[in-house]
């Protein structure tokens, strides 16, 4: 699985917003805390705003806040907002890609891969990431030395 810089920045900014609580955080503050380019981050936050994940607040005390409680926003929500579907093959959803002959079963592999990604990314919330209290299943998977290869 490859995560784009856009997804990485979106998830890091969202975790910062989750940790910040109810008060708005500026793009500059988010960019500085996570060492990200502010202009690029601004575009990402606009996408997240259009998806209903963050709200912008104008004025001297302005910035961004999460539009819903962090416990109600999954990592999958953030990824879909900035990068589209979780798994695709050549830009197509796996169920729309057909194969023939010996490669025919690859479609099932891609669908199973997407299901596995979903099971983790939809389970983990911004609140869990920001607090470090990840679900036990995620901690167990990450603790397996083979996962680090």
N, C-alpha and C. Protein backbone atom coordinates (compact mmCIF):
# COMPACT_ATOMS: atom_id res chain seq x y z
N UNK A 1 0.85 -1.18 0.00
CA UNK A 1 0.00 0.00 0.00
C UNK A 1 0.90 1.24 0.00
N UNK A 2 0.59 2.15 -0.88
CA UNK A 2 1.33 3.41 -0.93
C UNK A 2 0.40 4.54 -0.52
N UNK A 3 0.88 5.36 0.36
CA UNK A 3 0.13 6.55 0.75
C UNK A 3 0.83 7.76 0.15
N UNK A 4 0.06 8.59 -0.51
CA UNK A 4 0.63 9.79 -1.13
C UNK A 4 1.02 10.79 -0.04
N UNK A 5 1.85 11.75 -0.42
CA UNK A 5 2.21 12.83 0.50
C UNK A 5 0.94 13.56 0.93
N UNK A 6 0.00 13.72 0.02
CA UNK A 6 -1.26 14.40 0.32
C UNK A 6 -1.99 13.69 1.46
N UNK A 7 -2.07 12.37 1.39
CA UNK A 7 -2.74 11.59 2.45
C UNK A 7 -1.96 11.69 3.75
N UNK A 8 -0.66 11.55 3.67
CA UNK A 8 0.18 11.64 4.87
C UNK A 8 -0.02 12.99 5.55
N UNK A 9 0.03 14.07 4.80
CA UNK A 9 -0.15 15.41 5.37
C UNK A 9 -1.56 15.59 5.94
N UNK A 10 -2.55 15.08 5.23
CA UNK A 10 -3.93 15.21 5.70
C UNK A 10 -4.12 14.49 7.03
N UNK A 11 -3.59 13.29 7.14
CA UNK A 11 -3.73 12.52 8.38
C UNK A 11 -2.98 13.19 9.54
N UNK A 12 -1.79 13.70 9.26
CA UNK A 12 -1.02 14.38 10.31
C UNK A 12 -1.70 15.66 10.76
N UNK A 13 -2.23 16.43 9.81
CA UNK A 13 -2.94 17.66 10.17
C UNK A 13 -4.21 17.34 10.95
N UNK A 14 -4.92 16.29 10.54
CA UNK A 14 -6.15 15.90 11.23
C UNK A 14 -5.84 15.44 12.66
N UNK A 15 -4.74 14.73 12.84
CA UNK A 15 -4.35 14.31 14.20
C UNK A 15 -4.03 15.53 15.05
N UNK A 16 -3.37 16.52 14.48
CA UNK A 16 -3.09 17.77 15.21
C UNK A 16 -4.38 18.46 15.61
N UNK A 17 -5.33 18.51 14.70
CA UNK A 17 -6.62 19.15 15.01
C UNK A 17 -7.36 18.37 16.10
N UNK A 18 -7.27 17.06 16.05
CA UNK A 18 -7.91 16.24 17.08
C UNK A 18 -7.28 16.52 18.44
N UNK A 19 -5.98 16.65 18.48
CA UNK A 19 -5.29 16.91 19.74
C UNK A 19 -5.56 18.32 20.24
N UNK A 20 -5.81 19.26 19.32
CA UNK A 20 -6.04 20.65 19.71
C UNK A 20 -7.38 20.86 20.39
N UNK A 21 -8.32 19.96 20.18
CA UNK A 21 -9.63 20.12 20.81
C UNK A 21 -10.51 21.08 20.05
N UNK A 22 -11.26 21.91 20.78
CA UNK A 22 -12.28 22.77 20.17
C UNK A 22 -11.72 24.05 19.56
N UNK A 23 -10.56 24.49 19.98
CA UNK A 23 -10.02 25.76 19.50
C UNK A 23 -9.45 25.65 18.10
N UNK A 24 -9.60 26.72 17.30
CA UNK A 24 -9.07 26.67 15.94
C UNK A 24 -7.54 26.70 15.91
N UNK A 25 -7.00 26.05 14.89
CA UNK A 25 -5.56 26.01 14.68
C UNK A 25 -5.28 26.53 13.28
N UNK A 26 -4.32 27.41 13.15
CA UNK A 26 -4.02 28.00 11.84
C UNK A 26 -3.23 27.02 10.98
N UNK A 27 -3.27 27.27 9.68
CA UNK A 27 -2.49 26.47 8.75
C UNK A 27 -1.01 26.57 9.11
N UNK A 28 -0.57 27.77 9.46
CA UNK A 28 0.83 27.95 9.84
C UNK A 28 1.23 27.12 11.03
N UNK A 29 0.37 27.07 12.03
CA UNK A 29 0.65 26.26 13.22
C UNK A 29 0.71 24.77 12.87
N UNK A 30 -0.26 24.32 12.09
CA UNK A 30 -0.28 22.91 11.68
C UNK A 30 0.98 22.56 10.89
N UNK A 31 1.30 23.43 9.93
CA UNK A 31 2.46 23.19 9.08
C UNK A 31 3.75 23.15 9.90
N UNK A 32 3.88 24.06 10.85
CA UNK A 32 5.08 24.11 11.68
C UNK A 32 5.19 22.87 12.56
N UNK A 33 4.08 22.49 13.20
CA UNK A 33 4.10 21.34 14.11
C UNK A 33 4.48 20.05 13.40
N UNK A 34 4.05 19.92 12.16
CA UNK A 34 4.29 18.66 11.43
C UNK A 34 5.30 18.81 10.30
N UNK A 35 5.96 19.96 10.23
CA UNK A 35 6.98 20.21 9.21
C UNK A 35 6.46 19.92 7.80
N UNK A 36 5.40 20.66 7.44
CA UNK A 36 4.76 20.50 6.13
C UNK A 36 4.73 21.85 5.43
N UNK A 37 4.70 21.87 4.10
CA UNK A 37 4.59 23.14 3.37
C UNK A 37 3.20 23.76 3.55
N UNK A 38 3.11 24.99 4.05
CA UNK A 38 1.81 25.60 4.35
C UNK A 38 0.87 25.71 3.15
N UNK A 39 1.38 26.10 1.99
CA UNK A 39 0.51 26.26 0.81
C UNK A 39 -0.11 24.92 0.40
N UNK A 40 0.70 23.89 0.41
CA UNK A 40 0.22 22.56 0.05
C UNK A 40 -0.82 22.10 1.08
N UNK A 41 -0.55 22.35 2.34
CA UNK A 41 -1.47 21.98 3.41
C UNK A 41 -2.79 22.73 3.28
N UNK A 42 -2.74 23.99 2.90
CA UNK A 42 -3.97 24.78 2.72
C UNK A 42 -4.89 24.12 1.71
N UNK A 43 -4.33 23.64 0.59
CA UNK A 43 -5.14 22.95 -0.42
C UNK A 43 -5.76 21.67 0.12
N UNK A 44 -4.99 20.95 0.92
CA UNK A 44 -5.49 19.71 1.52
C UNK A 44 -6.64 20.01 2.48
N UNK A 45 -6.48 21.04 3.29
CA UNK A 45 -7.53 21.41 4.25
C UNK A 45 -8.79 21.87 3.53
N UNK A 46 -8.65 22.51 2.38
CA UNK A 46 -9.83 22.89 1.59
C UNK A 46 -10.58 21.65 1.11
N UNK A 47 -9.86 20.62 0.69
CA UNK A 47 -10.50 19.37 0.30
C UNK A 47 -11.21 18.74 1.49
N UNK A 48 -10.56 18.78 2.63
CA UNK A 48 -11.17 18.20 3.83
C UNK A 48 -12.41 19.00 4.25
N UNK A 49 -12.37 20.31 4.02
CA UNK A 49 -13.54 21.14 4.33
C UNK A 49 -14.70 20.79 3.40
N UNK A 50 -14.41 20.64 2.11
CA UNK A 50 -15.47 20.26 1.16
C UNK A 50 -16.08 18.91 1.51
N UNK A 51 -15.28 18.02 2.09
CA UNK A 51 -15.77 16.70 2.49
C UNK A 51 -16.49 16.73 3.84
N UNK A 52 -16.52 17.88 4.49
CA UNK A 52 -17.22 18.00 5.76
C UNK A 52 -16.43 17.50 6.96
N UNK A 53 -15.11 17.39 6.83
CA UNK A 53 -14.30 16.90 7.94
C UNK A 53 -13.76 18.01 8.82
N UNK A 54 -13.52 19.18 8.22
CA UNK A 54 -13.04 20.33 9.00
C UNK A 54 -13.90 21.55 8.67
N UNK A 55 -13.83 22.52 9.57
CA UNK A 55 -14.49 23.82 9.35
C UNK A 55 -13.43 24.89 9.47
N UNK A 56 -13.55 25.89 8.62
CA UNK A 56 -12.65 27.02 8.70
C UNK A 56 -13.30 28.14 9.47
N UNK A 57 -12.52 28.84 10.25
CA UNK A 57 -13.01 29.98 11.03
C UNK A 57 -12.15 31.17 10.67
N UNK A 58 -12.77 32.24 10.21
CA UNK A 58 -12.03 33.44 9.80
C UNK A 58 -11.77 34.36 10.97
N UNK A 59 -10.88 35.31 10.72
CA UNK A 59 -10.62 36.34 11.73
C UNK A 59 -9.32 36.12 12.47
N UNK A 60 -9.01 37.05 13.38
CA UNK A 60 -7.74 36.98 14.11
C UNK A 60 -7.61 35.72 14.97
N UNK A 61 -8.71 35.19 15.40
CA UNK A 61 -8.69 33.95 16.19
C UNK A 61 -9.09 32.76 15.32
N UNK A 62 -8.89 32.90 14.01
CA UNK A 62 -9.33 31.89 13.06
C UNK A 62 -8.39 30.72 12.91
N UNK A 63 -8.82 29.83 12.07
CA UNK A 63 -8.05 28.63 11.79
C UNK A 63 -9.00 27.51 11.43
N UNK A 64 -8.57 26.30 11.64
CA UNK A 64 -9.38 25.12 11.32
C UNK A 64 -9.67 24.33 12.57
N UNK A 65 -10.86 23.71 12.58
CA UNK A 65 -11.28 22.78 13.63
C UNK A 65 -11.92 21.59 12.94
N UNK A 66 -11.96 20.47 13.63
CA UNK A 66 -12.68 19.32 13.10
C UNK A 66 -14.17 19.64 13.08
N UNK A 67 -14.86 19.19 12.05
CA UNK A 67 -16.29 19.45 11.91
C UNK A 67 -17.13 18.49 12.76
N UNK A 68 -16.54 17.39 13.15
CA UNK A 68 -17.21 16.40 14.01
C UNK A 68 -16.23 16.00 15.10
N UNK A 69 -16.72 15.37 16.16
CA UNK A 69 -15.78 14.88 17.18
C UNK A 69 -14.76 13.93 16.56
N UNK A 70 -13.54 13.99 17.05
CA UNK A 70 -12.46 13.16 16.52
C UNK A 70 -12.78 11.67 16.61
N UNK A 71 -13.59 11.27 17.57
CA UNK A 71 -13.97 9.86 17.71
C UNK A 71 -14.92 9.41 16.60
N UNK A 72 -15.46 10.37 15.85
CA UNK A 72 -16.40 10.04 14.77
C UNK A 72 -15.78 10.18 13.38
N UNK A 73 -14.48 10.42 13.31
CA UNK A 73 -13.80 10.56 12.02
C UNK A 73 -12.73 9.47 11.94
N UNK A 74 -12.91 8.57 10.98
CA UNK A 74 -11.93 7.49 10.81
C UNK A 74 -10.81 7.93 9.88
N UNK A 75 -9.74 7.18 9.90
CA UNK A 75 -8.64 7.45 8.98
C UNK A 75 -9.13 7.28 7.54
N UNK A 76 -10.02 6.31 7.33
CA UNK A 76 -10.57 6.09 5.99
C UNK A 76 -11.32 7.33 5.49
N UNK A 77 -12.03 8.01 6.39
CA UNK A 77 -12.75 9.23 6.01
C UNK A 77 -11.78 10.28 5.46
N UNK A 78 -10.67 10.45 6.13
CA UNK A 78 -9.67 11.44 5.72
C UNK A 78 -9.04 11.05 4.39
N UNK A 79 -8.67 9.79 4.26
CA UNK A 79 -8.04 9.32 3.03
C UNK A 79 -8.98 9.51 1.84
N UNK A 80 -10.22 9.11 2.00
CA UNK A 80 -11.18 9.25 0.90
C UNK A 80 -11.39 10.72 0.53
N UNK A 81 -11.35 11.60 1.51
CA UNK A 81 -11.58 13.02 1.25
C UNK A 81 -10.49 13.62 0.37
N UNK A 82 -9.27 13.16 0.52
CA UNK A 82 -8.17 13.79 -0.23
C UNK A 82 -7.62 12.93 -1.36
N UNK A 83 -7.93 11.63 -1.35
CA UNK A 83 -7.33 10.75 -2.35
C UNK A 83 -8.32 9.84 -3.05
N UNK A 84 -9.58 9.89 -2.69
CA UNK A 84 -10.57 9.03 -3.34
C UNK A 84 -10.64 7.64 -2.70
N UNK A 85 -11.11 6.66 -3.47
CA UNK A 85 -11.30 5.31 -2.93
C UNK A 85 -10.02 4.73 -2.34
N UNK A 86 -10.20 3.85 -1.37
CA UNK A 86 -9.05 3.29 -0.66
C UNK A 86 -8.17 2.42 -1.54
N UNK A 87 -8.75 1.64 -2.41
CA UNK A 87 -7.94 0.77 -3.26
C UNK A 87 -8.46 0.85 -4.68
N UNK A 88 -7.53 1.00 -5.61
CA UNK A 88 -7.92 0.98 -7.00
C UNK A 88 -6.80 0.35 -7.81
N UNK A 89 -7.17 -0.08 -8.99
CA UNK A 89 -6.24 -0.70 -9.92
C UNK A 89 -6.27 0.13 -11.19
N UNK A 90 -5.17 0.78 -11.49
CA UNK A 90 -5.09 1.66 -12.66
C UNK A 90 -6.20 2.71 -12.64
N UNK A 91 -6.55 3.19 -11.45
CA UNK A 91 -7.57 4.23 -11.32
C UNK A 91 -8.99 3.71 -11.30
N UNK A 92 -9.18 2.42 -11.35
CA UNK A 92 -10.52 1.80 -11.34
C UNK A 92 -10.74 1.07 -10.02
N UNK A 93 -12.00 1.00 -9.61
CA UNK A 93 -12.33 0.19 -8.44
C UNK A 93 -12.08 -1.28 -8.80
N UNK A 94 -11.60 -2.09 -7.86
CA UNK A 94 -11.25 -3.49 -8.18
C UNK A 94 -12.41 -4.29 -8.78
N UNK A 95 -13.64 -4.00 -8.37
CA UNK A 95 -14.77 -4.77 -8.92
C UNK A 95 -15.06 -4.42 -10.38
N UNK A 96 -14.47 -3.34 -10.88
CA UNK A 96 -14.68 -2.94 -12.27
C UNK A 96 -13.54 -3.37 -13.19
N UNK A 97 -12.54 -4.05 -12.63
CA UNK A 97 -11.40 -4.50 -13.41
C UNK A 97 -11.57 -5.99 -13.66
N UNK A 98 -11.48 -6.38 -14.90
CA UNK A 98 -11.63 -7.79 -15.24
C UNK A 98 -10.33 -8.38 -15.76
N UNK A 99 -10.11 -9.63 -15.45
CA UNK A 99 -8.94 -10.35 -15.92
C UNK A 99 -9.40 -11.65 -16.57
N UNK A 100 -8.53 -12.21 -17.40
CA UNK A 100 -8.85 -13.47 -18.05
C UNK A 100 -7.76 -14.48 -17.75
N UNK A 101 -8.11 -15.71 -17.96
CA UNK A 101 -7.14 -16.79 -17.86
C UNK A 101 -6.51 -16.91 -16.48
N UNK A 102 -5.21 -17.19 -16.44
CA UNK A 102 -4.53 -17.42 -15.16
C UNK A 102 -4.56 -16.22 -14.23
N UNK A 103 -4.77 -15.02 -14.75
CA UNK A 103 -4.79 -13.81 -13.92
C UNK A 103 -6.18 -13.49 -13.37
N UNK A 104 -7.18 -14.28 -13.72
CA UNK A 104 -8.57 -13.99 -13.36
C UNK A 104 -8.77 -13.80 -11.85
N UNK A 105 -8.08 -14.56 -11.04
CA UNK A 105 -8.29 -14.47 -9.59
C UNK A 105 -7.65 -13.23 -8.96
N UNK A 106 -6.87 -12.45 -9.72
CA UNK A 106 -6.29 -11.22 -9.18
C UNK A 106 -7.37 -10.26 -8.69
N UNK A 107 -8.50 -10.22 -9.37
CA UNK A 107 -9.58 -9.32 -8.93
C UNK A 107 -9.98 -9.63 -7.49
N UNK A 108 -10.09 -10.90 -7.14
CA UNK A 108 -10.43 -11.27 -5.77
C UNK A 108 -9.34 -10.84 -4.79
N UNK A 109 -8.09 -10.91 -5.21
CA UNK A 109 -6.98 -10.48 -4.35
C UNK A 109 -7.11 -8.99 -4.08
N UNK A 110 -7.39 -8.17 -5.11
CA UNK A 110 -7.51 -6.72 -4.93
C UNK A 110 -8.71 -6.38 -4.04
N UNK A 111 -9.79 -7.11 -4.20
CA UNK A 111 -10.97 -6.85 -3.35
C UNK A 111 -10.68 -7.24 -1.91
N UNK A 112 -9.98 -8.35 -1.70
CA UNK A 112 -9.61 -8.76 -0.34
C UNK A 112 -8.64 -7.75 0.28
N UNK A 113 -7.71 -7.24 -0.52
CA UNK A 113 -6.79 -6.22 -0.02
C UNK A 113 -7.55 -4.98 0.43
N UNK A 114 -8.50 -4.54 -0.39
CA UNK A 114 -9.31 -3.38 -0.02
C UNK A 114 -10.09 -3.65 1.26
N UNK A 115 -10.65 -4.83 1.40
CA UNK A 115 -11.41 -5.18 2.61
C UNK A 115 -10.53 -5.14 3.85
N UNK A 116 -9.29 -5.60 3.71
CA UNK A 116 -8.36 -5.58 4.84
C UNK A 116 -7.99 -4.15 5.20
N UNK A 117 -7.69 -3.34 4.19
CA UNK A 117 -7.40 -1.92 4.44
C UNK A 117 -8.57 -1.26 5.15
N UNK A 118 -9.75 -1.48 4.62
CA UNK A 118 -10.95 -0.88 5.23
C UNK A 118 -11.12 -1.29 6.68
N UNK A 119 -10.89 -2.57 6.96
CA UNK A 119 -11.13 -3.06 8.33
C UNK A 119 -10.27 -2.32 9.34
N UNK A 120 -9.10 -1.88 8.94
CA UNK A 120 -8.24 -1.14 9.85
C UNK A 120 -8.52 0.36 9.77
N UNK A 121 -8.53 0.89 8.56
CA UNK A 121 -8.67 2.34 8.39
C UNK A 121 -10.03 2.88 8.82
N UNK A 122 -11.06 2.06 8.74
CA UNK A 122 -12.38 2.49 9.21
C UNK A 122 -12.54 2.30 10.71
N UNK A 123 -11.72 1.44 11.29
CA UNK A 123 -11.79 1.20 12.74
C UNK A 123 -11.04 2.27 13.53
N UNK A 124 -9.92 2.74 13.01
CA UNK A 124 -9.08 3.68 13.74
C UNK A 124 -9.60 5.10 13.52
N UNK A 125 -9.80 5.81 14.64
CA UNK A 125 -10.31 7.19 14.57
C UNK A 125 -9.20 8.19 14.85
N UNK A 126 -9.48 9.43 14.51
CA UNK A 126 -8.51 10.50 14.80
C UNK A 126 -8.27 10.61 16.30
N UNK A 127 -9.28 10.42 17.10
CA UNK A 127 -9.11 10.48 18.55
C UNK A 127 -8.11 9.43 19.02
N UNK A 128 -8.21 8.21 18.48
CA UNK A 128 -7.30 7.15 18.87
C UNK A 128 -5.86 7.46 18.45
N UNK A 129 -5.71 8.02 17.25
CA UNK A 129 -4.36 8.38 16.79
C UNK A 129 -3.78 9.49 17.66
N UNK A 130 -4.57 10.53 17.88
CA UNK A 130 -4.09 11.69 18.65
C UNK A 130 -3.75 11.32 20.09
N UNK A 131 -4.49 10.39 20.66
CA UNK A 131 -4.24 10.00 22.06
C UNK A 131 -3.24 8.86 22.18
N UNK A 132 -2.94 8.19 21.07
CA UNK A 132 -2.03 7.04 21.12
C UNK A 132 -2.70 5.77 21.60
N UNK A 133 -4.02 5.82 21.79
CA UNK A 133 -4.77 4.66 22.28
C UNK A 133 -5.36 3.89 21.10
N UNK A 134 -4.48 3.28 20.32
CA UNK A 134 -4.92 2.54 19.14
C UNK A 134 -5.64 1.26 19.55
N UNK A 135 -6.55 0.77 18.70
CA UNK A 135 -7.23 -0.50 19.01
C UNK A 135 -6.23 -1.63 19.19
N UNK A 136 -6.56 -2.56 20.05
CA UNK A 136 -5.68 -3.68 20.37
C UNK A 136 -5.26 -4.44 19.11
N UNK A 137 -6.17 -4.67 18.22
CA UNK A 137 -5.86 -5.41 16.98
C UNK A 137 -4.76 -4.69 16.18
N UNK A 138 -4.84 -3.38 16.11
CA UNK A 138 -3.84 -2.60 15.38
C UNK A 138 -2.49 -2.68 16.09
N UNK A 139 -2.51 -2.57 17.40
CA UNK A 139 -1.25 -2.67 18.17
C UNK A 139 -0.61 -4.04 17.99
N UNK A 140 -1.43 -5.09 17.99
CA UNK A 140 -0.89 -6.44 17.81
C UNK A 140 -0.28 -6.61 16.43
N UNK A 141 -0.96 -6.13 15.41
CA UNK A 141 -0.42 -6.22 14.06
C UNK A 141 0.90 -5.47 13.93
N UNK A 142 0.97 -4.29 14.50
CA UNK A 142 2.18 -3.47 14.43
C UNK A 142 3.31 -4.04 15.27
N UNK A 143 2.98 -4.82 16.30
CA UNK A 143 4.01 -5.41 17.18
C UNK A 143 4.68 -6.61 16.54
N UNK A 144 4.08 -7.18 15.50
CA UNK A 144 4.66 -8.34 14.84
C UNK A 144 5.90 -7.90 14.07
N UNK A 145 7.08 -8.46 14.40
CA UNK A 145 8.31 -8.06 13.71
C UNK A 145 8.22 -8.20 12.18
N UNK A 146 7.45 -9.15 11.70
CA UNK A 146 7.31 -9.35 10.26
C UNK A 146 6.61 -8.16 9.60
N UNK A 147 5.81 -7.43 10.37
CA UNK A 147 5.11 -6.26 9.82
C UNK A 147 6.07 -5.13 9.47
N UNK A 148 7.26 -5.16 10.06
CA UNK A 148 8.23 -4.08 9.86
C UNK A 148 9.16 -4.36 8.67
N UNK A 149 9.04 -5.52 8.06
CA UNK A 149 9.90 -5.86 6.90
C UNK A 149 9.35 -5.29 5.62
